[in-house]
Protein backbone atom coordinates (compact mmCIF):
# COMPACT_ATOMS: atom_id res chain seq x y z
CA MET A 1 39.86 -12.60 13.88
CA THR A 2 37.00 -15.51 13.44
CA SER A 3 35.10 -16.63 16.85
CA THR A 4 34.02 -19.78 17.37
CA ALA A 5 30.62 -18.73 17.12
CA GLN A 6 31.61 -17.84 12.91
CA THR A 7 32.91 -21.56 13.12
CA GLN A 8 30.15 -23.33 13.27
CA PRO A 9 27.70 -24.32 10.66
CA ASP A 10 25.60 -22.61 9.05
CA PRO A 11 22.28 -23.90 9.36
CA THR A 12 20.76 -22.06 5.89
CA PRO A 13 21.05 -24.10 2.91
CA THR A 14 23.93 -24.17 1.32
CA GLY A 15 22.09 -24.51 -2.00
CA PRO A 16 20.23 -20.82 -3.78
CA ALA A 17 18.07 -19.26 -0.91
CA PRO A 18 14.49 -19.45 -1.82
CA VAL A 19 12.33 -16.22 -3.07
CA ASP A 20 8.87 -18.12 -1.08
CA LEU A 21 9.20 -19.02 1.70
CA ALA A 22 6.47 -21.99 1.38
CA ASP A 23 9.54 -23.71 -0.46
CA ARG A 24 10.66 -23.82 2.08
CA ALA A 25 8.50 -26.42 3.73
CA PRO A 26 9.85 -30.02 2.74
CA ALA A 27 12.97 -28.73 4.34
CA ARG A 28 11.71 -27.64 7.94
CA SER A 29 8.10 -29.50 7.53
CA ALA A 30 8.02 -30.97 11.45
CA GLU A 31 7.73 -26.76 11.64
CA ALA A 32 5.35 -26.04 9.30
CA ARG A 33 3.48 -28.74 10.90
CA VAL A 34 2.66 -26.96 14.48
CA GLN A 35 2.58 -23.73 12.79
CA PRO A 36 -1.07 -21.83 13.26
CA VAL A 37 -3.20 -22.32 9.46
CA LEU A 38 -4.81 -20.43 7.99
CA THR A 39 -7.64 -22.18 5.90
CA ARG A 40 -8.83 -19.99 2.46
CA ALA A 41 -12.26 -18.54 3.88
CA THR A 42 -10.58 -16.97 6.77
CA THR A 43 -7.70 -15.57 3.97
CA LEU A 44 -10.43 -14.36 2.19
CA ILE A 45 -12.24 -12.71 4.84
CA LEU A 46 -9.00 -10.76 5.83
CA ALA A 47 -8.26 -9.97 2.80
CA ALA A 48 -12.01 -8.09 1.99
CA THR A 49 -11.47 -5.90 5.78
CA THR A 50 -8.16 -5.18 4.72
CA GLY A 51 -9.30 -3.81 1.58
CA ALA A 52 -12.85 -2.38 2.74
CA ILE A 53 -9.96 -0.18 5.11
CA ALA A 54 -7.78 0.58 2.56
CA ALA A 55 -11.38 1.90 0.03
CA ASN A 56 -11.07 4.33 3.32
CA LEU A 57 -7.51 6.46 1.76
CA TYR A 58 -9.96 6.69 -1.68
CA TYR A 59 -13.54 7.14 -2.27
CA ALA A 60 -12.63 11.88 -2.03
CA GLN A 61 -10.32 10.87 -5.25
CA PRO A 62 -12.94 11.13 -7.80
CA LEU A 63 -15.05 13.51 -5.87
CA LEU A 64 -13.37 16.37 -5.20
CA ALA A 65 -14.38 18.40 -8.49
CA THR A 66 -18.35 18.02 -6.40
CA ILE A 67 -16.58 18.00 -2.31
CA ALA A 68 -14.92 21.82 -4.01
CA ALA A 69 -18.70 22.88 -5.78
CA THR A 70 -20.02 22.09 -2.08
CA LEU A 71 -17.66 23.59 0.22
CA ASP A 72 -16.98 26.26 -2.35
CA ILE A 73 -12.85 26.00 -2.93
CA SER A 74 -11.43 25.40 -5.55
CA THR A 75 -10.26 21.88 -7.13
CA GLY A 76 -7.01 23.04 -7.02
CA THR A 77 -7.42 23.72 -2.55
CA VAL A 78 -9.34 20.70 -2.22
CA ALA A 79 -6.68 18.34 -3.68
CA THR A 80 -5.33 18.91 -0.40
CA VAL A 81 -7.44 16.79 0.95
CA VAL A 82 -5.49 13.80 -1.01
CA THR A 83 -1.97 14.98 0.62
CA ALA A 84 -3.12 15.38 4.21
CA THR A 85 -5.14 11.84 4.39
CA GLN A 86 -1.94 10.20 2.88
CA LEU A 87 0.91 12.73 5.37
CA ALA A 88 -1.65 11.04 8.87
CA PHE A 89 -1.55 7.76 7.36
CA ALA A 90 2.52 8.16 7.13
CA ALA A 91 2.11 9.16 10.59
CA GLY A 92 0.63 6.93 11.52
CA LEU A 93 3.04 4.68 9.97
CA VAL A 94 5.80 6.05 12.07
CA LEU A 95 4.40 6.07 15.27
CA VAL A 96 1.01 3.78 15.69
CA LEU A 97 1.98 0.49 12.91
CA PRO A 98 5.42 -0.27 15.25
CA LEU A 99 3.05 -0.84 18.04
CA GLY A 100 1.35 -4.37 16.12
CA ASP A 101 4.89 -6.71 17.45
CA ILE A 102 3.72 -5.59 21.14
CA VAL A 103 0.26 -4.72 21.85
CA GLU A 104 -2.52 -7.52 21.53
CA ARG A 105 -3.55 -7.01 18.02
CA ARG A 106 -7.56 -7.59 18.37
CA ARG A 107 -7.20 -4.61 20.55
CA LEU A 108 -5.62 -2.44 18.66
CA LEU A 109 -7.31 -2.95 15.04
CA THR A 110 -10.23 -2.27 17.23
CA GLY A 111 -8.97 1.15 18.45
CA LEU A 112 -8.03 2.06 15.28
CA LEU A 113 -11.13 1.18 13.58
CA VAL A 114 -12.60 2.78 15.96
CA LEU A 115 -10.38 6.48 15.09
CA ASP A 116 -11.15 5.61 10.59
CA ALA A 117 -14.90 5.28 12.06
CA VAL A 118 -15.06 8.85 13.53
CA GLY A 119 -12.88 10.59 10.81
CA LEU A 120 -16.09 8.99 8.14
CA VAL A 121 -18.55 10.47 10.27
CA GLY A 122 -16.35 13.92 10.79
CA PHE A 123 -15.55 13.98 7.10
CA ALA A 124 -19.59 13.53 5.99
CA VAL A 125 -20.50 16.51 7.79
CA ALA A 126 -17.71 18.55 7.53
CA PRO A 127 -19.05 22.36 6.78
CA SER A 128 -15.55 24.04 5.44
CA LEU A 129 -12.15 22.52 4.27
CA PRO A 130 -10.58 22.92 8.38
CA VAL A 131 -13.46 20.34 9.51
CA LEU A 132 -12.50 18.62 6.32
CA LEU A 133 -8.49 18.13 7.25
CA ILE A 134 -8.95 17.56 10.92
CA SER A 135 -10.85 14.37 9.37
CA CYS A 136 -8.79 13.07 6.91
CA ALA A 137 -6.02 13.20 9.75
CA LEU A 138 -8.55 10.85 11.61
CA MET A 139 -8.92 8.36 8.66
CA GLY A 140 -5.38 8.30 7.94
CA VAL A 141 -3.97 7.44 11.36
CA GLY A 142 -7.30 4.47 12.12
CA ASN A 143 -6.50 3.12 8.21
CA ILE A 144 -3.00 1.61 9.89
CA ALA A 145 -5.18 -0.75 10.45
CA ALA A 146 -5.03 -2.80 7.47
CA GLN A 147 -0.88 -2.72 7.11
CA VAL A 148 -1.94 -4.03 11.13
CA LEU A 149 -3.71 -7.19 9.26
CA VAL A 150 -1.00 -7.85 6.16
CA PRO A 151 2.00 -8.82 8.54
CA ALA A 152 -1.05 -10.49 10.72
CA ALA A 153 -1.69 -12.81 7.99
CA ALA A 154 1.68 -13.52 7.52
CA SER A 155 2.21 -14.06 10.98
CA LEU A 156 -0.94 -16.82 10.92
CA ALA A 157 0.00 -18.36 7.58
CA GLY A 158 2.58 -22.00 8.08
CA ASP A 159 5.45 -21.44 6.36
CA ALA A 160 4.43 -23.09 3.22
CA GLN A 161 0.88 -21.29 2.93
CA ARG A 162 3.23 -17.74 4.22
CA GLY A 163 3.49 -16.81 0.04
CA ARG A 164 0.26 -17.22 -0.98
CA VAL A 165 -2.10 -15.32 1.51
CA VAL A 166 0.10 -12.19 1.57
CA GLY A 167 -0.23 -12.30 -2.05
CA THR A 168 -4.13 -12.42 -1.68
CA VAL A 169 -4.19 -10.33 1.34
CA ILE A 170 -2.01 -7.87 -0.78
CA THR A 171 -3.91 -8.66 -3.90
CA GLY A 172 -7.66 -7.75 -1.66
CA LEU A 173 -5.84 -4.44 -0.52
CA LEU A 174 -5.18 -3.08 -3.60
CA ILE A 175 -8.50 -4.02 -5.85
CA GLY A 176 -10.00 -2.37 -2.40
CA MET A 177 -8.05 0.35 -3.09
CA LEU A 178 -9.40 1.16 -7.20
CA ALA A 179 -12.80 -0.44 -6.54
CA ALA A 180 -13.32 2.24 -3.63
CA ARG A 181 -13.46 5.09 -6.10
CA THR A 182 -15.67 3.16 -8.20
CA VAL A 183 -18.49 2.73 -5.20
CA ALA A 184 -17.72 6.52 -4.42
CA GLY A 185 -18.18 7.40 -7.80
CA VAL A 186 -21.92 5.84 -7.96
CA VAL A 187 -22.22 6.23 -4.15
CA SER A 188 -22.46 9.57 -4.96
CA GLN A 189 -24.68 10.26 -7.32
CA LEU A 190 -27.32 8.64 -6.16
CA VAL A 191 -27.97 9.96 -2.81
CA GLY A 192 -24.61 12.52 -2.44
CA TRP A 193 -21.11 11.84 -1.29
CA ARG A 194 -21.83 12.84 2.32
CA PRO A 195 -23.94 9.13 2.55
CA LEU A 196 -20.95 7.26 1.59
CA PHE A 197 -18.86 8.81 3.87
CA LEU A 198 -21.23 7.75 6.65
CA GLY A 199 -21.97 4.85 5.32
CA ALA A 200 -18.17 3.57 5.14
CA ALA A 201 -18.38 5.02 8.83
CA VAL A 202 -20.36 1.38 9.62
CA LEU A 203 -19.16 -0.53 7.77
CA MET A 204 -16.18 -0.24 10.26
CA LEU A 205 -17.41 -0.71 13.13
CA LEU A 206 -18.68 -3.64 12.06
CA LEU A 207 -16.03 -5.04 10.70
CA THR A 208 -14.46 -4.29 15.02
CA LEU A 209 -17.23 -7.42 15.09
CA VAL A 210 -15.71 -9.50 12.16
CA VAL A 211 -11.58 -8.44 13.13
CA ARG A 212 -12.58 -10.10 17.14
CA ARG A 213 -13.81 -13.14 15.46
CA VAL A 214 -11.96 -14.50 13.10
CA LEU A 215 -8.07 -13.44 14.10
CA PRO A 216 -7.13 -14.79 17.43
CA ALA A 217 -5.99 -13.24 20.73
CA THR A 218 -2.36 -12.16 20.77
CA GLY A 219 -0.83 -13.86 24.00
CA PRO A 220 1.61 -10.77 26.19
CA VAL A 221 5.10 -10.96 24.63
CA ALA A 222 7.99 -12.39 26.51
CA ASP A 223 9.98 -9.31 27.57
CA ARG A 224 7.88 -6.08 25.88
CA PRO A 225 10.34 -3.71 25.03
CA THR A 226 9.05 -0.12 25.95
CA TYR A 227 7.39 1.53 23.11
CA LEU A 228 10.54 4.34 22.04
CA ASP A 229 12.35 0.43 22.40
CA THR A 230 10.58 0.35 19.41
CA LEU A 231 10.57 3.65 18.02
CA ARG A 232 13.95 2.29 18.05
CA SER A 233 14.41 -0.48 16.91
CA THR A 234 12.47 0.12 13.98
CA ALA A 235 14.89 3.00 12.68
CA ARG A 236 17.29 -0.01 13.34
CA LEU A 237 16.20 -2.57 10.96
CA TYR A 238 16.78 0.58 8.61
CA ARG A 239 19.97 1.67 9.01
CA GLN A 240 20.63 -2.57 9.09
CA LEU A 241 18.83 -3.27 6.03
CA PRO A 242 20.07 -2.62 2.52
CA LEU A 243 17.43 -4.38 0.51
CA LEU A 244 15.17 -2.33 2.48
CA ARG A 245 16.02 0.65 2.54
CA VAL A 246 15.79 -0.65 -1.60
CA ARG A 247 12.32 -1.66 -1.83
CA ALA A 248 10.92 1.40 0.46
CA ALA A 249 13.00 3.08 -2.35
CA PHE A 250 10.99 2.08 -5.08
CA GLY A 251 7.90 2.07 -3.63
CA ALA A 252 7.73 5.21 -2.52
CA LEU A 253 8.97 6.15 -6.74
CA GLY A 254 6.35 3.64 -7.26
CA PHE A 255 3.54 5.28 -5.52
CA ALA A 256 4.17 8.81 -6.19
CA ALA A 257 3.30 7.86 -9.67
CA PHE A 258 -0.48 6.64 -8.78
CA SER A 259 -1.25 9.08 -6.39
CA LEU A 260 0.05 11.77 -9.25
CA PHE A 261 -2.27 9.88 -12.21
CA TRP A 262 -5.01 9.17 -9.57
CA SER A 263 -5.36 12.79 -7.71
CA THR A 264 -5.48 14.60 -10.69
CA ALA A 265 -7.87 11.81 -13.61
CA ALA A 266 -10.94 13.35 -12.04
CA LEU A 267 -10.85 16.59 -12.29
CA LEU A 268 -9.37 15.40 -16.27
CA LEU A 269 -12.47 13.44 -16.50
CA GLY A 270 -15.13 15.95 -14.85
CA GLY A 271 -14.04 18.83 -17.07
CA GLY A 272 -13.57 19.94 -20.23
CA ARG A 273 -14.09 17.86 -23.62
CA TYR A 274 -15.06 14.65 -21.00
CA SER A 275 -17.06 16.60 -18.82
CA PHE A 276 -17.81 12.47 -16.99
CA GLY A 277 -20.41 12.60 -13.68
CA PRO A 278 -18.87 10.93 -10.90
CA ALA A 279 -20.35 7.35 -11.24
CA ALA A 280 -18.89 7.70 -15.12
CA ILE A 281 -15.46 9.13 -13.34
CA GLY A 282 -15.40 5.93 -10.40
CA GLY A 283 -16.22 3.84 -13.01
CA PHE A 284 -12.17 4.00 -15.17
CA ALA A 285 -11.20 2.54 -11.70
CA LEU A 286 -12.42 -0.58 -12.41
CA LEU A 287 -9.63 -0.32 -15.13
CA GLY A 288 -7.50 -0.78 -12.14
CA ILE A 289 -8.12 -3.93 -10.67
CA ALA A 290 -7.43 -5.81 -13.47
CA GLY A 291 -3.96 -4.94 -13.15
CA ALA A 292 -3.96 -4.76 -9.34
CA VAL A 293 -5.20 -9.06 -10.65
CA ALA A 294 -2.35 -8.74 -12.86
CA ALA A 295 -0.16 -7.39 -11.10
CA ASN A 296 -0.82 -10.45 -8.14
CA ALA A 297 1.26 -13.24 -10.76
CA VAL A 298 3.85 -10.84 -11.88
CA GLY A 299 4.58 -10.54 -8.03
CA ARG A 300 4.90 -14.70 -7.54
CA LEU A 301 8.68 -14.17 -9.52
CA ARG A 302 11.87 -14.50 -8.40
CA ASP A 303 13.14 -10.95 -7.77
CA HIS A 304 15.99 -12.06 -5.43
CA VAL A 305 17.74 -13.59 -7.92
CA HIS A 306 17.48 -11.48 -10.50
CA PRO A 307 16.36 -7.56 -10.41
CA LEU A 308 15.17 -7.84 -14.05
CA PRO A 309 11.11 -7.75 -13.11
CA THR A 310 11.68 -4.26 -10.63
CA LEU A 311 12.74 -2.68 -13.81
CA VAL A 312 10.41 -4.81 -16.38
CA ALA A 313 7.76 -2.86 -13.79
CA VAL A 314 9.34 0.95 -13.75
CA LEU A 315 9.35 0.72 -17.66
CA VAL A 316 5.20 0.00 -17.74
CA ILE A 317 4.28 3.12 -15.53
CA ALA A 318 6.71 5.39 -17.48
CA GLY A 319 5.11 3.91 -20.99
CA ALA A 320 1.87 4.34 -19.54
CA PHE A 321 2.38 7.91 -18.76
CA GLY A 322 3.29 8.05 -22.22
CA VAL A 323 0.00 6.51 -23.40
CA LEU A 324 -1.48 8.90 -21.00
CA LEU A 325 0.32 12.30 -22.94
CA ALA A 326 -2.36 11.81 -25.44
CA ALA A 327 -5.91 11.01 -22.96
CA PRO A 328 -7.41 14.79 -23.03
CA HIS A 329 -7.87 14.05 -26.88
CA VAL A 330 -7.97 10.09 -27.31
CA LEU A 331 -10.19 8.22 -24.26
CA ALA A 332 -8.86 5.26 -25.87
CA CYS A 333 -5.11 6.56 -23.84
CA MET A 334 -7.05 6.82 -20.77
CA VAL A 335 -8.34 3.59 -20.62
CA VAL A 336 -4.87 2.07 -21.78
CA GLY A 337 -3.16 3.87 -20.07
CA ILE A 338 -4.69 2.99 -16.39
CA VAL A 339 -4.33 -1.23 -17.19
CA VAL A 340 -0.87 -0.45 -18.16
CA LEU A 341 0.44 2.76 -14.76
CA ASP A 342 -1.54 0.00 -12.20
CA ILE A 343 0.20 -2.85 -14.22
CA GLY A 344 3.35 -2.00 -13.76
CA VAL A 345 2.83 0.46 -10.24
CA GLN A 346 0.79 -2.73 -7.83
CA GLY A 347 3.29 -5.48 -9.48
CA LEU A 348 6.29 -3.66 -8.38
CA HIS A 349 4.29 -3.08 -4.80
CA VAL A 350 3.74 -7.41 -4.86
CA LEU A 351 7.58 -6.97 -5.30
CA ASN A 352 9.01 -5.07 -3.05
CA GLN A 353 6.47 -6.50 0.01
CA ARG A 354 7.68 -10.47 -0.58
CA THR A 355 10.62 -9.44 -0.55
CA ILE A 356 11.21 -7.09 2.96
CA TYR A 357 8.42 -9.91 5.02
CA GLU A 358 11.48 -12.58 4.36
CA LEU A 359 14.06 -10.19 5.34
CA GLU A 360 12.69 -10.13 9.33
CA PRO A 361 9.96 -12.40 10.07
CA ALA A 362 9.73 -11.38 14.29
CA ALA A 363 9.68 -8.19 13.75
CA ARG A 364 7.41 -8.40 10.11
CA THR A 365 5.22 -4.92 11.84
CA ARG A 366 8.38 -2.83 11.87
CA VAL A 367 9.59 -3.79 9.29
CA ASN A 368 6.31 -3.09 7.18
CA SER A 369 5.90 0.37 8.83
CA VAL A 370 9.95 1.25 7.64
CA TYR A 371 8.13 0.07 3.70
CA MET A 372 5.33 1.41 3.99
CA THR A 373 6.38 5.25 6.08
CA PHE A 374 7.59 5.24 2.33
CA TYR A 375 5.02 3.70 0.41
CA PHE A 376 2.74 6.95 1.49
CA LEU A 377 5.30 9.99 1.86
CA GLY A 378 5.65 8.88 -1.68
CA GLY A 379 2.75 9.21 -2.08
CA SER A 380 2.27 12.61 -0.56
CA LEU A 381 4.56 13.55 -2.62
CA GLY A 382 2.94 12.78 -5.63
CA SER A 383 -0.32 14.04 -5.05
CA ALA A 384 1.23 17.20 -4.05
CA ALA A 385 3.53 17.14 -6.95
CA GLY A 386 0.04 16.21 -8.78
CA SER A 387 -1.35 19.17 -7.76
CA LEU A 388 1.09 21.80 -8.57
CA ALA A 389 1.84 20.43 -12.04
CA TRP A 390 -1.99 20.56 -13.44
CA GLU A 391 -2.66 23.63 -11.81
CA ARG A 392 1.30 25.23 -13.29
CA ALA A 393 0.62 23.14 -17.29
CA GLY A 394 -2.31 20.99 -17.15
CA TRP A 395 -2.34 17.43 -17.85
CA THR A 396 0.70 17.78 -20.22
CA GLY A 397 2.75 18.56 -16.64
CA VAL A 398 1.37 15.48 -14.96
CA CYS A 399 2.24 13.21 -17.77
CA VAL A 400 5.85 14.70 -17.85
CA THR A 401 6.36 14.79 -14.07
CA GLY A 402 5.10 10.45 -14.47
CA LEU A 403 7.99 10.46 -17.24
CA VAL A 404 10.32 11.88 -14.58
CA ILE A 405 9.21 9.47 -11.80
CA SER A 406 9.69 6.51 -14.19
CA ALA A 407 13.03 8.04 -14.59
CA LEU A 408 14.22 8.33 -11.10
CA ALA A 409 13.46 5.08 -10.62
CA VAL A 410 15.62 4.00 -12.95
CA VAL A 411 17.41 5.68 -12.15
CA LEU A 412 17.36 4.06 -8.67
CA TRP A 413 17.63 0.34 -10.77
CA THR A 414 20.14 0.82 -11.90
CA ALA A 415 22.51 1.71 -8.81
CA THR A 416 21.70 -0.88 -7.15
CA ALA A 417 21.11 -4.32 -9.65
CA ARG A 418 25.47 -4.00 -9.41
CA ARG A 419 24.90 -5.83 -5.89
CA SER A 420 25.34 -9.00 -7.30
CA PRO A 421 22.59 -11.91 -6.59
CA ARG A 422 24.34 -13.29 -4.56
CA SER A 423 24.72 -10.75 -1.59
CA ILE A 424 21.03 -10.82 -1.93
CA LEU A 425 20.27 -13.62 -1.17
CA LYS A 426 22.39 -13.39 1.90
CA GLU A 427 21.23 -10.94 2.93
CA VAL A 428 17.56 -12.46 3.19
CA SER A 429 18.67 -16.30 4.47
CA CYS A 430 20.81 -13.65 6.73
CA PRO A 431 18.92 -10.91 8.39
CA ALA A 432 19.92 -8.47 10.65
CA SER A 433 19.19 -9.22 14.42
């Protein structure tokens, strides 16, 4: 039987629901006027800070061969550094990130950045693989700070600017991920890889001062739930929001493909026919920055209304691995493959995040926790698959694995795109409580 509450007029507009919250500003101008508005300068500072934090997860990737030689371990074994960091990061996404909705934001960020700095120092002075892996775990958890900043920026932005702010901060994060490889290659070739990580630790401590200066203090949360209640509510969001589950799966597959490539690219470029040094290997990551910038434009497409942009992004990823098959023999294929792969992966990521931040505005950090947990679990599996494929079948095995991941994403799209646009729009307009 229909209840009285259900028969009351729905305050949600009856027309097609917009994707970007900025489009709702005219109908909610009074509310938008009283919401905090980030200046462009502050937005850029948050984007740069997020990118600098995220970079810590990727400094080691172009240096794997160099680190292996220093510690006298195999290249296959040293790849576990990437896997360990991403697994620790995924654990932090589950156990730490939900605190962003209940703990004072600046205090949480300060603790995470200090932990990140401790891990970076440990990595810099590590005499053996076990110490290196422990340091990676600390770095992985500390890097949750970047994922606290993204939904924080979304919450601080007014309705009329939220889409632009989120896109800018995510683009900063992506550029940090990619530029890290170039910075790592150049700095390590000039002064060695250990000073690189010491410098990154100092930068994290400086960023604690920046964060405390530019972010406003968050007041006490009314009826603040316990930590366990917060974790339960995060799991409940995963169960109640089908679109979140779909986007988390796409994110996991996309980042698996990304990590598969970047965890093994240094091994191809550093040996065999090419034998490039760390600086040259890191320089290849600059190609991906063009992809990240292009991905921001891709992410503006209205994927709620039509699912085609997601399929296009997946097919772009598949095409990239097809081109990369020839990379051991044709350097131009490596160049083209990097640009195309990053456009596909980062475009898919931006599409996903712009979607999930509209599902439950009151719990953006927890929604981000769910999405990014699956995202980095996918990355961990991708890195592990890359190590296995490289040792068993070389570069061809890596690319074939990438094509298999792309095929799984196409299957997922085929299964989920059958949902009508109306049902998807209804979910976005009326998220679960």
